[in-house]
């Protein structure tokens, strides 16, 4: 007897011992699939410090390169396209986001194949009209809902989850290829910028020598002052162009560092080998083969086909 209610005399109620057993069994069944949540709070203060500490000489990065079968450049050797691409796989957040989305999609494959859990309820009702004065106006019962799915529904749900997982996996490959393409372009741009800088430096040296010779001849009265002034103005323009080109080189270095996922300071003192970024693949390829590859192997088409398969399953 509790709160004036004798549960043993409630019509339709289970004996308390049996009811407790049902409750315990339901709780155990409901908690069996639970997983412990592991909090991973964000620390905005720690990220800038960690980003500033990234470098191509990181021992953990070199261990990662060795695991992939790539030999990290030794001291004095240049970093080329392959090494920088693998470094971006280690550092760049875009690839980590794509991989996290793929892991979520893979988890969806596991949950899609599970059967729906039964639901347990204990409805409690109050009745104002009772024939028997000894009966309690309260009625408590037990309801256990067991869901039955139509044949093939779980298989279709699994097919849809697998197709979405395949689309997420293709997105990981696409992201990796985008990182590779950005680094290749940044290396080529940096190479061209440095080549143009060398040409401008040579131009400045030549114009400086010409200006000195003209000044000497002008003092001897062999050339006019106008010609000497024009040469000096041309030299000034060349020096301004050289300064601008050096700024473009700095921009190209920042672009390359951003593509790798490291600060620009990580490239200080690092010898690059941009010549390895030149595409040396065989260009003598049958156009029909290229057309077939474009139609079957493009990432956007493969991803669209996977998503279409998911829609079909849904």
Protein backbone atom coordinates (compact mmCIF):
# COMPACT_ATOMS: atom_id res chain seq x y z
CA UNK A 1 0.00 0.00 0.00
CA UNK A 2 1.57 3.26 -1.12
CA UNK A 3 -0.12 6.66 -1.45
CA UNK A 4 -3.45 4.98 -0.78
CA UNK A 5 -3.17 2.75 -3.82
CA UNK A 6 -3.00 -1.02 -3.44
CA UNK A 7 -1.32 -2.20 -6.65
CA UNK A 8 -2.16 -5.82 -5.94
CA UNK A 9 -5.88 -5.00 -6.24
CA UNK A 10 -5.68 -2.93 -9.41
CA UNK A 11 -7.64 -4.73 -12.15
CA UNK A 12 -5.44 -5.86 -15.00
CA UNK A 13 -2.24 -5.05 -13.15
CA UNK A 14 0.66 -7.45 -13.05
CA UNK A 15 1.95 -8.68 -9.70
CA UNK A 16 4.67 -6.31 -8.50
CA UNK A 17 7.41 -8.91 -8.70
CA UNK A 18 6.54 -9.79 -12.29
CA UNK A 19 6.14 -6.12 -13.18
CA UNK A 20 9.57 -5.38 -11.78
CA UNK A 21 11.02 -8.21 -13.81
CA UNK A 22 9.43 -6.85 -16.99
CA UNK A 23 10.78 -3.38 -16.25
CA UNK A 24 14.28 -4.68 -15.66
CA UNK A 25 14.19 -6.77 -18.82
CA UNK A 26 12.93 -3.81 -20.85
CA UNK A 27 15.63 -1.52 -19.47
CA UNK A 28 18.36 -4.07 -20.15
CA UNK A 29 17.10 -4.58 -23.69
CA UNK A 30 16.91 -0.86 -24.29
CA UNK A 31 20.36 -0.15 -22.92
CA UNK A 32 22.07 -3.03 -24.70
CA UNK A 33 22.62 -1.00 -27.85
CA UNK A 34 23.76 2.16 -26.08
CA UNK A 35 27.32 3.33 -26.47
CA UNK A 36 29.22 5.58 -24.16
CA UNK A 37 29.58 9.11 -25.49
CA UNK A 38 33.11 10.45 -25.53
CA UNK A 39 33.20 14.21 -25.45
CA UNK A 40 35.70 15.97 -27.69
CA UNK A 41 35.33 19.68 -26.89
CA UNK A 42 36.80 22.25 -29.24
CA UNK A 43 39.63 24.44 -27.97
CA UNK A 44 39.86 27.61 -30.11
CA UNK A 45 42.89 28.75 -28.14
CA UNK A 46 44.93 25.62 -28.87
CA UNK A 47 44.32 25.48 -32.64
CA UNK A 48 46.46 28.53 -33.62
CA UNK A 49 49.36 27.16 -31.58
CA UNK A 50 49.06 23.73 -33.17
CA UNK A 51 48.78 25.21 -36.67
CA UNK A 52 51.80 27.45 -36.18
CA UNK A 53 53.82 24.42 -35.06
CA UNK A 54 53.25 22.43 -38.25
CA UNK A 55 56.34 21.77 -40.33
CA UNK A 56 57.64 19.43 -43.00
CA UNK A 57 60.25 18.21 -40.56
CA UNK A 58 57.68 16.87 -38.11
CA UNK A 59 58.76 13.35 -37.00
CA UNK A 60 55.13 12.20 -36.98
CA UNK A 61 54.73 13.39 -40.57
CA UNK A 62 57.85 11.50 -41.59
CA UNK A 63 56.51 8.36 -39.91
CA UNK A 64 53.29 8.78 -41.86
CA UNK A 65 55.24 9.13 -45.11
CA UNK A 66 57.18 5.97 -44.33
CA UNK A 67 53.93 4.09 -43.68
CA UNK A 68 52.71 5.06 -47.15
CA UNK A 69 55.94 3.72 -48.67
CA UNK A 70 57.30 7.16 -49.57
CA UNK A 71 60.82 8.06 -48.52
CA UNK A 72 60.83 11.52 -46.95
CA UNK A 73 63.37 13.90 -48.51
CA UNK A 74 66.63 14.04 -46.60
CA UNK A 75 68.36 17.22 -45.56
CA UNK A 76 69.22 19.26 -48.65
CA UNK A 77 66.87 17.33 -50.93
CA UNK A 78 63.88 19.05 -52.48
CA UNK A 79 60.23 18.42 -51.79
CA UNK A 80 58.32 17.58 -54.92
CA UNK A 81 54.73 17.00 -55.89
CA UNK A 82 54.37 13.56 -54.33
CA UNK A 83 55.86 14.46 -50.97
CA UNK A 84 53.87 17.68 -50.62
CA UNK A 85 50.67 15.89 -51.64
CA UNK A 86 51.17 13.26 -48.94
CA UNK A 87 51.94 16.05 -46.45
CA UNK A 88 48.60 17.63 -47.34
CA UNK A 89 46.89 14.28 -46.72
CA UNK A 90 48.38 14.40 -43.22
CA UNK A 91 47.67 18.05 -42.42
CA UNK A 92 44.82 19.44 -44.52
CA UNK A 93 41.42 19.67 -42.78
CA UNK A 94 39.39 19.18 -45.99
CA UNK A 95 40.45 15.54 -46.20
CA UNK A 96 39.71 14.96 -42.52
CA UNK A 97 36.20 16.37 -42.93
CA UNK A 98 35.56 14.12 -45.94
CA UNK A 99 36.85 11.09 -44.04
CA UNK A 100 34.66 11.94 -41.04
CA UNK A 101 31.60 12.14 -43.31
CA UNK A 102 32.53 8.75 -44.74
CA UNK A 103 32.79 7.25 -41.24
CA UNK A 104 29.31 8.59 -40.45
CA UNK A 105 27.99 7.00 -43.65
CA UNK A 106 29.66 3.69 -42.73
CA UNK A 107 27.97 3.80 -39.34
CA UNK A 108 24.69 4.25 -41.20
CA UNK A 109 25.35 0.93 -42.94
CA UNK A 110 25.43 -0.85 -39.58
CA UNK A 111 22.28 0.78 -38.22
CA UNK A 112 20.38 0.25 -41.47
CA UNK A 113 20.59 -3.52 -41.11
CA UNK A 114 19.32 -3.61 -37.53
CA UNK A 115 15.80 -4.62 -36.62
CA UNK A 116 13.61 -1.98 -34.93
CA UNK A 117 13.64 -2.19 -31.15
CA UNK A 118 10.38 -3.10 -29.36
CA UNK A 119 8.72 -0.35 -27.35
CA UNK A 120 7.42 -0.87 -23.83
CA UNK A 121 4.69 1.27 -22.24
CA UNK A 122 2.77 1.29 -18.95
CA UNK A 123 -0.49 3.22 -19.53
CA UNK A 124 -2.18 4.44 -16.32
CA UNK A 125 -5.86 5.39 -16.38
CA UNK A 126 -8.35 6.68 -13.82
CA UNK A 127 -12.01 5.50 -13.81
CA UNK A 128 -14.58 7.44 -11.81
CA UNK A 129 -17.29 4.78 -12.13
CA UNK A 130 -16.65 1.46 -10.44
CA UNK A 131 -19.19 -1.26 -9.67
CA UNK A 132 -17.15 -2.71 -6.87
CA UNK A 133 -16.42 -0.39 -3.99
CA UNK A 134 -13.38 -2.46 -3.13
CA UNK A 135 -11.86 -1.93 -6.57
CA UNK A 136 -9.38 0.86 -7.18
CA UNK A 137 -10.38 3.59 -9.62
CA UNK A 138 -6.90 3.31 -11.13
CA UNK A 139 -6.02 0.91 -13.92
CA UNK A 140 -2.51 0.15 -15.01
CA UNK A 141 -1.47 -2.13 -17.82
CA UNK A 142 1.50 -3.08 -19.91
CA UNK A 143 1.90 -2.55 -23.63
CA UNK A 144 4.75 -4.06 -25.63
CA UNK A 145 4.92 -2.90 -29.25
CA UNK A 146 6.86 -5.20 -31.53
CA UNK A 147 7.34 -3.78 -35.03
CA UNK A 148 7.34 -6.09 -38.04
CA UNK A 149 8.78 -4.78 -41.29
CA UNK A 150 7.58 -5.68 -44.73
CA UNK A 151 9.85 -8.16 -46.53
CA UNK A 152 12.65 -6.39 -48.36
CA UNK A 153 12.33 -3.12 -46.48
CA UNK A 154 15.44 -3.69 -44.39
CA UNK A 155 17.33 -4.87 -47.48
CA UNK A 156 16.34 -1.69 -49.34
CA UNK A 157 17.37 0.42 -46.37
CA UNK A 158 20.73 -1.36 -46.29
CA UNK A 159 21.19 -0.84 -50.04
CA UNK A 160 20.50 2.86 -49.61
CA UNK A 161 22.99 3.16 -46.74
CA UNK A 162 25.66 1.31 -48.73
CA UNK A 163 25.11 3.60 -51.73
CA UNK A 164 25.41 6.70 -49.54
CA UNK A 165 28.57 5.27 -48.01
CA UNK A 166 29.98 4.68 -51.49
CA UNK A 167 29.19 8.29 -52.42
CA UNK A 168 30.98 9.50 -49.28
CA UNK A 169 33.98 7.30 -50.13
CA UNK A 170 34.13 8.80 -53.61
CA UNK A 171 34.05 12.26 -52.04
CA UNK A 172 37.17 11.32 -50.03
CA UNK A 173 38.93 10.36 -53.26
CA UNK A 174 37.74 13.57 -54.92
CA UNK A 175 39.03 15.68 -52.03
CA UNK A 176 42.41 13.96 -52.20
CA UNK A 177 42.60 14.61 -55.93
CA UNK A 178 41.70 18.28 -55.41
CA UNK A 179 44.53 18.64 -52.91
CA UNK A 180 46.91 17.05 -55.42
CA UNK A 181 45.73 19.42 -58.17
CA UNK A 182 46.06 22.53 -55.99
CA UNK A 183 49.61 21.63 -54.99
CA UNK A 184 50.59 20.89 -58.58
CA UNK A 185 49.25 24.24 -59.76
CA UNK A 186 50.90 26.08 -56.85
CA UNK A 187 54.25 24.47 -57.63
CA UNK A 188 54.01 25.40 -61.31
CA UNK A 189 53.01 28.98 -60.47
CA UNK A 190 55.89 29.29 -58.03
CA UNK A 191 58.31 27.92 -60.60
CA UNK A 192 57.14 30.37 -63.25
CA UNK A 193 57.26 33.26 -60.78
CA UNK A 194 60.85 32.48 -59.82
CA UNK A 195 61.84 32.08 -63.47
CA UNK A 196 60.40 35.51 -64.27
CA UNK A 197 62.19 36.95 -61.24
CA UNK A 198 65.52 35.72 -62.57
CA UNK A 199 64.82 37.33 -65.95
CA UNK A 200 63.93 40.63 -64.29
CA UNK A 201 67.10 40.49 -62.18
CA UNK A 202 69.16 40.02 -65.33
CA UNK A 203 67.31 42.92 -66.96
CA UNK A 204 68.06 45.18 -63.99
CA UNK A 205 71.75 44.25 -64.10
CA UNK A 206 72.00 44.93 -67.85
CA UNK A 207 70.12 48.22 -67.64
CA UNK A 208 72.31 49.32 -64.72
CA UNK A 209 75.44 48.68 -66.80
CA UNK A 210 73.96 50.50 -69.81
CA UNK A 211 72.99 53.47 -67.65
CA UNK A 212 76.52 53.73 -66.22
CA UNK A 213 78.06 53.61 -69.69
CA UNK A 214 75.66 56.24 -71.01
CA UNK A 215 76.39 58.55 -68.09
CA UNK A 216 80.10 58.24 -68.78
CA UNK A 217 79.53 59.04 -72.46
CA UNK A 218 77.20 61.90 -71.56
CA UNK A 219 79.94 63.48 -69.45
CA UNK A 220 82.22 63.23 -72.49
CA UNK A 221 79.52 64.84 -74.63
CA UNK A 222 79.02 61.81 -76.85
CA UNK A 223 75.28 61.24 -76.03
CA UNK A 224 72.49 63.53 -74.98
CA UNK A 225 71.20 63.80 -71.43
CA UNK A 226 67.73 62.81 -72.72
CA UNK A 227 68.94 59.35 -73.70
CA UNK A 228 70.58 58.87 -70.32
CA UNK A 229 67.41 59.96 -68.52
CA UNK A 230 65.27 57.59 -70.62
CA UNK A 231 67.56 54.68 -69.73
CA UNK A 232 67.38 55.56 -66.04
CA UNK A 233 63.56 55.62 -66.22
CA UNK A 234 63.57 52.23 -67.92
CA UNK A 235 65.84 50.91 -65.16
CA UNK A 236 63.46 52.27 -62.51
CA UNK A 237 60.52 50.52 -64.18
CA UNK A 238 62.49 47.25 -64.25
CA UNK A 239 63.27 47.56 -60.54
CA UNK A 240 59.60 48.23 -59.75
CA UNK A 241 58.65 45.18 -61.82
CA UNK A 242 61.21 43.09 -59.92
CA UNK A 243 59.76 44.23 -56.58
CA UNK A 244 56.25 43.34 -57.72
CA UNK A 245 57.46 39.96 -58.94
CA UNK A 246 59.02 39.22 -55.57
CA UNK A 247 55.61 39.96 -54.03
CA UNK A 248 54.04 37.48 -56.46
CA UNK A 249 56.58 34.87 -55.35
CA UNK A 250 55.56 35.46 -51.73
CA UNK A 251 51.90 35.04 -52.72
CA UNK A 252 52.73 31.81 -54.57
CA UNK A 253 54.53 30.46 -51.48
CA UNK A 254 51.51 31.29 -49.31
CA UNK A 255 49.23 29.56 -51.84
CA UNK A 256 51.42 26.47 -51.78
CA UNK A 257 51.52 26.44 -47.97
CA UNK A 258 47.72 26.80 -47.83
CA UNK A 259 47.32 23.89 -50.26
CA UNK A 260 49.54 21.70 -48.07
CA UNK A 261 47.79 22.82 -44.87
CA UNK A 262 50.81 24.38 -43.16
CA UNK A 263 51.76 27.98 -42.34
CA UNK A 264 53.97 29.82 -44.82
CA UNK A 265 56.80 29.75 -42.27
CA UNK A 266 56.90 25.96 -42.66
CA UNK A 267 58.40 26.47 -46.14
CA UNK A 268 61.22 28.68 -44.85
CA UNK A 269 64.50 26.95 -45.48
CA UNK A 270 62.76 24.12 -47.35
CA UNK A 271 64.12 23.42 -50.78
CA UNK A 272 61.37 22.78 -53.30
CA UNK A 273 61.64 20.79 -56.50
CA UNK A 274 58.92 22.31 -58.68
CA UNK A 275 60.31 20.66 -61.80
CA UNK A 276 58.80 17.38 -60.54
CA UNK A 277 55.37 18.96 -60.82
CA UNK A 278 55.51 18.84 -64.63
CA UNK A 279 53.14 16.25 -65.99
CA UNK A 280 55.31 13.62 -67.70
CA UNK A 281 52.45 11.25 -68.52
CA UNK A 282 52.12 9.90 -72.00
CA UNK A 283 50.11 12.43 -73.97
CA UNK A 284 49.69 10.14 -76.99
CA UNK A 285 46.37 8.71 -75.83
CA UNK A 286 43.48 7.67 -78.02
CA UNK A 287 40.67 10.30 -77.80
CA UNK A 288 38.08 7.54 -77.56
CA UNK A 289 39.86 6.14 -74.51
CA UNK A 290 39.94 9.57 -72.91
CA UNK A 291 36.26 10.03 -73.63
CA UNK A 292 35.47 6.68 -72.04
CA UNK A 293 37.53 7.50 -68.96
CA UNK A 294 35.78 10.86 -68.65
CA UNK A 295 32.37 9.21 -68.82
CA UNK A 296 33.09 6.36 -66.40
CA UNK A 297 35.78 7.49 -63.99
CA UNK A 298 35.00 11.15 -63.25
CA UNK A 299 34.38 11.67 -59.55
CA UNK A 300 31.27 13.79 -59.99
CA UNK A 301 29.66 11.18 -62.27
CA UNK A 302 30.56 8.29 -59.96
CA UNK A 303 29.20 10.20 -56.98
CA UNK A 304 26.00 11.09 -58.84
CA UNK A 305 25.50 7.42 -59.80
CA UNK A 306 25.95 6.34 -56.18
CA UNK A 307 23.41 8.92 -55.01
CA UNK A 308 21.02 7.79 -57.75
CA UNK A 309 21.33 4.22 -56.44
CA UNK A 310 20.49 5.50 -52.95
CA UNK A 311 17.38 7.24 -54.30
CA UNK A 312 16.33 4.10 -56.09
CA UNK A 313 16.65 2.10 -52.87
CA UNK A 314 14.67 4.73 -50.96
